[in-house]
Structure formats: structure tokens, C-alpha cells
Amino acid sequence: MLSHFQYKQIGPKVRKTKWEVSFFYQGAYYRSLYLHTGEFDWFEPSPKEEDKSQLQSQIHELMLFHVYEK
């Protein structure tokens, strides 16, 4: 489970918005760009390949709650 989830919008509010998300997972700090398409552009270090799918699913849920359901 990820903890200390934070997000901030990058750039002006336009159609193709993107957000920088950050969080801790298993004691490590991760950052990614969350694109308007729902894709991720991970900063280094990136999570293990076997963890990415689960993390991306959790981030999608958090973004739906915090951003899209305002």
C-alpha cells in the first residue's frame, strides 16, 4: 500500500493537463507524471515492474477521488 500520496498540477489548466504525483511505497520514495491519458512517466528510481500495475491502479483511484470528483 502506498502512503503519503501527494499531487500537484503541472502547467496551466488546459485540455491536456498533467500532474506530478509522489508517494512512499515499501519505504521508498517515488515520483511520476500522471498524464491526462491515464499513462505514467516515472522518474528515477521507478518501482519494480511487478509493482507498477498495482501502484498505477491505486493512483488512478486516488486521482479519481481527489481531482475528477470535485
PDB file of N, CA and C in Angstrom:
ATOM      1  N   MET A   1       0.842  -1.177   0.000  1.00  0.00           N
ATOM      2  CA  MET A   1       0.000   0.000   0.000  1.00  0.00           C
ATOM      3  C   MET A   1       0.887   1.239   0.000  1.00  0.00           C
ATOM      4  N   LEU A   2       0.521   2.204  -0.786  1.00  0.00           N
ATOM      5  CA  LEU A   2       1.297   3.430  -0.828  1.00  0.00           C
ATOM      6  C   LEU A   2       0.839   4.376   0.269  1.00  0.00           C
ATOM      7  N   SER A   3       1.726   5.275   0.693  1.00  0.00           N
ATOM      8  CA  SER A   3       1.397   6.232   1.749  1.00  0.00           C
ATOM      9  C   SER A   3       1.939   7.605   1.385  1.00  0.00           C
ATOM     10  N   HIS A   4       1.452   8.601   2.098  1.00  0.00           N
ATOM     11  CA  HIS A   4       1.867   9.992   1.914  1.00  0.00           C
ATOM     12  C   HIS A   4       1.703  10.441   0.458  1.00  0.00           C
ATOM     13  N   PHE A   5       0.580  10.092  -0.136  1.00  0.00           N
ATOM     14  CA  PHE A   5       0.302  10.442  -1.530  1.00  0.00           C
ATOM     15  C   PHE A   5       0.104  11.941  -1.658  1.00  0.00           C
ATOM     16  N   GLN A   6       0.789  12.547  -2.620  1.00  0.00           N
ATOM     17  CA  GLN A   6       0.627  13.970  -2.915  1.00  0.00           C
ATOM     18  C   GLN A   6       0.565  14.144  -4.427  1.00  0.00           C
ATOM     19  N   TYR A   7      -0.128  15.189  -4.849  1.00  0.00           N
ATOM     20  CA  TYR A   7      -0.192  15.502  -6.276  1.00  0.00           C
ATOM     21  C   TYR A   7      -0.227  17.001  -6.458  1.00  0.00           C
ATOM     22  N   LYS A   8       0.278  17.454  -7.599  1.00  0.00           N
ATOM     23  CA  LYS A   8       0.169  18.868  -7.956  1.00  0.00           C
ATOM     24  C   LYS A   8       0.083  18.961  -9.470  1.00  0.00           C
ATOM     25  N   GLN A   9      -0.717  19.896  -9.908  1.00  0.00           N
ATOM     26  CA  GLN A   9      -0.898  20.104 -11.339  1.00  0.00           C
ATOM     27  C   GLN A   9       0.337  20.776 -11.909  1.00  0.00           C
ATOM     28  N   ILE A  10       0.754  20.310 -13.082  1.00  0.00           N
ATOM     29  CA  ILE A  10       1.914  20.866 -13.763  1.00  0.00           C
ATOM     30  C   ILE A  10       1.409  21.697 -14.945  1.00  0.00           C
ATOM     31  N   GLY A  11       1.840  22.941 -15.006  1.00  0.00           N
ATOM     32  CA  GLY A  11       1.449  23.808 -16.111  1.00  0.00           C
ATOM     33  C   GLY A  11       0.053  24.386 -15.918  1.00  0.00           C
ATOM     34  N   PRO A  12      -0.380  25.203 -16.884  1.00  0.00           N
ATOM     35  CA  PRO A  12      -1.693  25.846 -16.797  1.00  0.00           C
ATOM     36  C   PRO A  12      -2.818  24.837 -17.022  1.00  0.00           C
ATOM     37  N   LYS A  13      -4.019  25.220 -16.564  1.00  0.00           N
ATOM     38  CA  LYS A  13      -5.179  24.358 -16.786  1.00  0.00           C
ATOM     39  C   LYS A  13      -5.556  24.400 -18.261  1.00  0.00           C
ATOM     40  N   VAL A  14      -5.292  23.323 -18.918  1.00  0.00           N
ATOM     41  CA  VAL A  14      -5.623  23.182 -20.330  1.00  0.00           C
ATOM     42  C   VAL A  14      -6.205  21.798 -20.533  1.00  0.00           C
ATOM     43  N   ARG A  15      -6.551  21.470 -21.731  1.00  0.00           N
ATOM     44  CA  ARG A  15      -7.134  20.158 -22.019  1.00  0.00           C
ATOM     45  C   ARG A  15      -6.226  19.000 -21.646  1.00  0.00           C
ATOM     46  N   LYS A  16      -4.955  19.141 -21.922  1.00  0.00           N
ATOM     47  CA  LYS A  16      -4.018  18.037 -21.701  1.00  0.00           C
ATOM     48  C   LYS A  16      -3.243  18.249 -20.401  1.00  0.00           C
ATOM     49  N   THR A  17      -3.970  18.286 -19.319  1.00  0.00           N
ATOM     50  CA  THR A  17      -3.374  18.509 -18.010  1.00  0.00           C
ATOM     51  C   THR A  17      -2.527  17.312 -17.610  1.00  0.00           C
ATOM     52  N   LYS A  18      -1.486  17.589 -16.832  1.00  0.00           N
ATOM     53  CA  LYS A  18      -0.710  16.515 -16.228  1.00  0.00           C
ATOM     54  C   LYS A  18      -0.403  16.909 -14.792  1.00  0.00           C
ATOM     55  N   TRP A  19      -0.167  15.894 -13.978  1.00  0.00           N
ATOM     56  CA  TRP A  19       0.088  16.097 -12.572  1.00  0.00           C
ATOM     57  C   TRP A  19       1.366  15.366 -12.188  1.00  0.00           C
ATOM     58  N   GLU A  20       2.077  15.937 -11.233  1.00  0.00           N
ATOM     59  CA  GLU A  20       3.193  15.221 -10.627  1.00  0.00           C
ATOM     60  C   GLU A  20       2.655  14.570  -9.360  1.00  0.00           C
ATOM     61  N   VAL A  21       2.829  13.276  -9.246  1.00  0.00           N
ATOM     62  CA  VAL A  21       2.400  12.555  -8.054  1.00  0.00           C
ATOM     63  C   VAL A  21       3.635  12.011  -7.347  1.00  0.00           C
ATOM     64  N   SER A  22       3.552  11.954  -6.035  1.00  0.00           N
ATOM     65  CA  SER A  22       4.648  11.384  -5.248  1.00  0.00           C
ATOM     66  C   SER A  22       4.049  10.612  -4.086  1.00  0.00           C
ATOM     67  N   PHE A  23       4.790   9.625  -3.619  1.00  0.00           N
ATOM     68  CA  PHE A  23       4.320   8.765  -2.538  1.00  0.00           C
ATOM     69  C   PHE A  23       5.454   7.875  -2.068  1.00  0.00           C
ATOM     70  N   PHE A  24       5.229   7.231  -0.935  1.00  0.00           N
ATOM     71  CA  PHE A  24       6.142   6.215  -0.425  1.00  0.00           C
ATOM     72  C   PHE A  24       5.507   4.853  -0.624  1.00  0.00           C
ATOM     73  N   TYR A  25       6.316   3.885  -0.999  1.00  0.00           N
ATOM     74  CA  TYR A  25       5.865   2.509  -1.160  1.00  0.00           C
ATOM     75  C   TYR A  25       6.991   1.590  -0.693  1.00  0.00           C
ATOM     76  N   GLN A  26       6.692   0.764   0.285  1.00  0.00           N
ATOM     77  CA  GLN A  26       7.669  -0.153   0.871  1.00  0.00           C
ATOM     78  C   GLN A  26       8.943   0.574   1.282  1.00  0.00           C
ATOM     79  N   GLY A  27       8.772   1.737   1.896  1.00  0.00           N
ATOM     80  CA  GLY A  27       9.895   2.503   2.429  1.00  0.00           C
ATOM     81  C   GLY A  27      10.678   3.314   1.416  1.00  0.00           C
ATOM     82  N   ALA A  28      10.291   3.271   0.148  1.00  0.00           N
ATOM     83  CA  ALA A  28      10.999   4.033  -0.888  1.00  0.00           C
ATOM     84  C   ALA A  28      10.097   5.161  -1.408  1.00  0.00           C
ATOM     85  N   TYR A  29      10.723   6.260  -1.785  1.00  0.00           N
ATOM     86  CA  TYR A  29      10.010   7.438  -2.304  1.00  0.00           C
ATOM     87  C   TYR A  29       9.989   7.382  -3.822  1.00  0.00           C
ATOM     88  N   TYR A  30       8.790   7.565  -4.409  1.00  0.00           N
ATOM     89  CA  TYR A  30       8.634   7.528  -5.869  1.00  0.00           C
ATOM     90  C   TYR A  30       7.915   8.770  -6.358  1.00  0.00           C
ATOM     91  N   ARG A  31       8.236   9.157  -7.596  1.00  0.00           N
ATOM     92  CA  ARG A  31       7.573  10.282  -8.269  1.00  0.00           C
ATOM     93  C   ARG A  31       7.260   9.870  -9.692  1.00  0.00           C
ATOM     94  N   SER A  32       6.158  10.439 -10.197  1.00  0.00           N
ATOM     95  CA  SER A  32       5.766  10.158 -11.571  1.00  0.00           C
ATOM     96  C   SER A  32       4.957  11.322 -12.109  1.00  0.00           C
ATOM     97  N   LEU A  33       4.959  11.453 -13.427  1.00  0.00           N
ATOM     98  CA  LEU A  33       3.995  12.337 -14.069  1.00  0.00           C
ATOM     99  C   LEU A  33       2.786  11.486 -14.409  1.00  0.00           C
ATOM    100  N   TYR A  34       1.622  11.967 -14.031  1.00  0.00           N
ATOM    101  CA  TYR A  34       0.364  11.310 -14.356  1.00  0.00           C
ATOM    102  C   TYR A  34      -0.245  12.127 -15.485  1.00  0.00           C
ATOM    103  N   LEU A  35      -0.303  11.554 -16.665  1.00  0.00           N
ATOM    104  CA  LEU A  35      -0.749  12.283 -17.855  1.00  0.00           C
ATOM    105  C   LEU A  35      -2.264  12.231 -18.006  1.00  0.00           C
ATOM    106  N   HIS A  36      -2.821  13.152 -18.775  1.00  0.00           N
ATOM    107  CA  HIS A  36      -4.274  13.228 -18.967  1.00  0.00           C
ATOM    108  C   HIS A  36      -4.842  11.960 -19.589  1.00  0.00           C
ATOM    109  N   THR A  37      -4.008  11.163 -20.218  1.00  0.00           N
ATOM    110  CA  THR A  37      -4.450   9.909 -20.841  1.00  0.00           C
ATOM    111  C   THR A  37      -4.508   8.764 -19.841  1.00  0.00           C
ATOM    112  N   GLY A  38      -4.056   9.020 -18.597  1.00  0.00           N
ATOM    113  CA  GLY A  38      -4.007   7.970 -17.594  1.00  0.00           C
ATOM    114  C   GLY A  38      -2.702   7.206 -17.614  1.00  0.00           C
ATOM    115  N   GLU A  39      -1.772   7.636 -18.442  1.00  0.00           N
ATOM    116  CA  GLU A  39      -0.467   6.980 -18.510  1.00  0.00           C
ATOM    117  C   GLU A  39       0.482   7.607 -17.500  1.00  0.00           C
ATOM    118  N   PHE A  40       1.574   6.898 -17.226  1.00  0.00           N
ATOM    119  CA  PHE A  40       2.555   7.338 -16.236  1.00  0.00           C
ATOM    120  C   PHE A  40       3.913   7.492 -16.893  1.00  0.00           C
ATOM    121  N   ASP A  41       4.628   8.522 -16.472  1.00  0.00           N
ATOM    122  CA  ASP A  41       6.008   8.737 -16.891  1.00  0.00           C
ATOM    123  C   ASP A  41       6.819   8.798 -15.591  1.00  0.00           C
ATOM    124  N   TRP A  42       7.456   7.691 -15.226  1.00  0.00           N
ATOM    125  CA  TRP A  42       8.127   7.557 -13.938  1.00  0.00           C
ATOM    126  C   TRP A  42       9.469   8.273 -13.919  1.00  0.00           C
ATOM    127  N   PHE A  43       9.748   8.941 -12.789  1.00  0.00           N
ATOM    128  CA  PHE A  43      11.076   9.478 -12.512  1.00  0.00           C
ATOM    129  C   PHE A  43      11.904   8.340 -11.923  1.00  0.00           C
ATOM    130  N   GLU A  44      13.216   8.516 -11.895  1.00  0.00           N
ATOM    131  CA  GLU A  44      14.093   7.515 -11.275  1.00  0.00           C
ATOM    132  C   GLU A  44      14.172   7.784  -9.780  1.00  0.00           C
ATOM    133  N   PRO A  45      14.171   6.792  -8.950  1.00  0.00           N
ATOM    134  CA  PRO A  45      14.002   5.376  -9.296  1.00  0.00           C
ATOM    135  C   PRO A  45      12.532   5.081  -9.553  1.00  0.00           C
ATOM    136  N   SER A  46      12.273   4.164 -10.423  1.00  0.00           N
ATOM    137  CA  SER A  46      10.898   3.760 -10.673  1.00  0.00           C
ATOM    138  C   SER A  46      10.633   2.455  -9.927  1.00  0.00           C
ATOM    139  N   PRO A  47       9.368   2.174  -9.627  1.00  0.00           N
ATOM    140  CA  PRO A  47       9.050   0.925  -8.925  1.00  0.00           C
ATOM    141  C   PRO A  47       9.396  -0.298  -9.772  1.00  0.00           C
ATOM    142  N   LYS A  48       9.493  -1.433  -9.120  1.00  0.00           N
ATOM    143  CA  LYS A  48       9.729  -2.691  -9.835  1.00  0.00           C
ATOM    144  C   LYS A  48       8.584  -2.936 -10.807  1.00  0.00           C
ATOM    145  N   GLU A  49       8.891  -3.575 -11.910  1.00  0.00           N
ATOM    146  CA  GLU A  49       7.879  -3.845 -12.940  1.00  0.00           C
ATOM    147  C   GLU A  49       6.670  -4.590 -12.375  1.00  0.00           C
ATOM    148  N   GLU A  50       6.918  -5.543 -11.473  1.00  0.00           N
ATOM    149  CA  GLU A  50       5.806  -6.329 -10.925  1.00  0.00           C
ATOM    150  C   GLU A  50       4.915  -5.519  -9.982  1.00  0.00           C
ATOM    151  N   ASP A  51       5.397  -4.350  -9.501  1.00  0.00           N
ATOM    152  CA  ASP A  51       4.603  -3.497  -8.616  1.00  0.00           C
ATOM    153  C   ASP A  51       3.879  -2.391  -9.368  1.00  0.00           C
ATOM    154  N   LYS A  52       4.330  -2.061 -10.558  1.00  0.00           N
ATOM    155  CA  LYS A  52       3.789  -0.899 -11.280  1.00  0.00           C
ATOM    156  C   LYS A  52       2.290  -0.995 -11.530  1.00  0.00           C
ATOM    157  N   SER A  53       1.792  -2.137 -11.951  1.00  0.00           N
ATOM    158  CA  SER A  53       0.373  -2.281 -12.266  1.00  0.00           C
ATOM    159  C   SER A  53      -0.496  -1.997 -11.045  1.00  0.00           C
ATOM    160  N   GLN A  54      -0.112  -2.557  -9.913  1.00  0.00           N
ATOM    161  CA  GLN A  54      -0.866  -2.346  -8.679  1.00  0.00           C
ATOM    162  C   GLN A  54      -0.805  -0.875  -8.248  1.00  0.00           C
ATOM    163  N   LEU A  55       0.378  -0.283  -8.301  1.00  0.00           N
ATOM    164  CA  LEU A  55       0.534   1.119  -7.916  1.00  0.00           C
ATOM    165  C   LEU A  55      -0.250   2.041  -8.838  1.00  0.00           C
ATOM    166  N   GLN A  56      -0.179   1.789 -10.133  1.00  0.00           N
ATOM    167  CA  GLN A  56      -0.908   2.631 -11.088  1.00  0.00           C
ATOM    168  C   GLN A  56      -2.409   2.536 -10.850  1.00  0.00           C
ATOM    169  N   SER A  57      -2.907   1.376 -10.511  1.00  0.00           N
ATOM    170  CA  SER A  57      -4.324   1.212 -10.204  1.00  0.00           C
ATOM    171  C   SER A  57      -4.710   2.029  -8.964  1.00  0.00           C
ATOM    172  N   GLN A  58      -3.873   1.974  -7.937  1.00  0.00           N
ATOM    173  CA  GLN A  58      -4.139   2.745  -6.720  1.00  0.00           C
ATOM    174  C   GLN A  58      -4.096   4.241  -6.991  1.00  0.00           C
ATOM    175  N   ILE A  59      -3.137   4.675  -7.818  1.00  0.00           N
ATOM    176  CA  ILE A  59      -3.031   6.103  -8.140  1.00  0.00           C
ATOM    177  C   ILE A  59      -4.233   6.554  -8.957  1.00  0.00           C
ATOM    178  N   HIS A  60      -4.686   5.739  -9.896  1.00  0.00           N
ATOM    179  CA  HIS A  60      -5.893   6.079 -10.664  1.00  0.00           C
ATOM    180  C   HIS A  60      -7.067   6.317  -9.716  1.00  0.00           C
ATOM    181  N   GLU A  61      -7.244   5.429  -8.751  1.00  0.00           N
ATOM    182  CA  GLU A  61      -8.347   5.566  -7.789  1.00  0.00           C
ATOM    183  C   GLU A  61      -8.216   6.862  -6.996  1.00  0.00           C
ATOM    184  N   LEU A  62      -7.008   7.160  -6.518  1.00  0.00           N
ATOM    185  CA  LEU A  62      -6.797   8.383  -5.750  1.00  0.00           C
ATOM    186  C   LEU A  62      -7.034   9.624  -6.598  1.00  0.00           C
ATOM    187  N   MET A  63      -6.590   9.599  -7.843  1.00  0.00           N
ATOM    188  CA  MET A  63      -6.798  10.753  -8.716  1.00  0.00           C
ATOM    189  C   MET A  63      -8.276  10.944  -9.030  1.00  0.00           C
ATOM    190  N   LEU A  64      -9.005   9.854  -9.224  1.00  0.00           N
ATOM    191  CA  LEU A  64     -10.442   9.973  -9.445  1.00  0.00           C
ATOM    192  C   LEU A  64     -11.107  10.648  -8.255  1.00  0.00           C
ATOM    193  N   PHE A  65     -10.719  10.255  -7.073  1.00  0.00           N
ATOM    194  CA  PHE A  65     -11.309  10.811  -5.854  1.00  0.00           C
ATOM    195  C   PHE A  65     -10.918  12.269  -5.659  1.00  0.00           C
ATOM    196  N   HIS A  66      -9.635  12.597  -5.777  1.00  0.00           N
ATOM    197  CA  HIS A  66      -9.136  13.931  -5.445  1.00  0.00           C
ATOM    198  C   HIS A  66      -9.305  14.955  -6.565  1.00  0.00           C
ATOM    199  N   VAL A  67      -9.208  14.558  -7.811  1.00  0.00           N
ATOM    200  CA  VAL A  67      -9.194  15.513  -8.921  1.00  0.00           C
ATOM    201  C   VAL A  67     -10.502  15.526  -9.688  1.00  0.00           C
ATOM    202  N   TYR A  68     -10.925  14.371 -10.136  1.00  0.00           N
ATOM    203  CA  TYR A  68     -12.038  14.323 -11.080  1.00  0.00           C
ATOM    204  C   TYR A  68     -13.412  14.393 -10.433  1.00  0.00           C
ATOM    205  N   GLU A  69     -13.518  14.141  -9.134  1.00  0.00           N
ATOM    206  CA  GLU A  69     -14.831  14.164  -8.489  1.00  0.00           C
ATOM    207  C   GLU A  69     -15.046  15.412  -7.670  1.00  0.00           C
ATOM    208  N   LYS A  70     -14.345  16.484  -7.955  1.00  0.00           N
ATOM    209  CA  LYS A  70     -14.519  17.754  -7.233  1.00  0.00           C
ATOM    210  C   LYS A  70     -15.803  18.408  -7.640  1.00  0.00           C
TER     211      LYS A  70
END
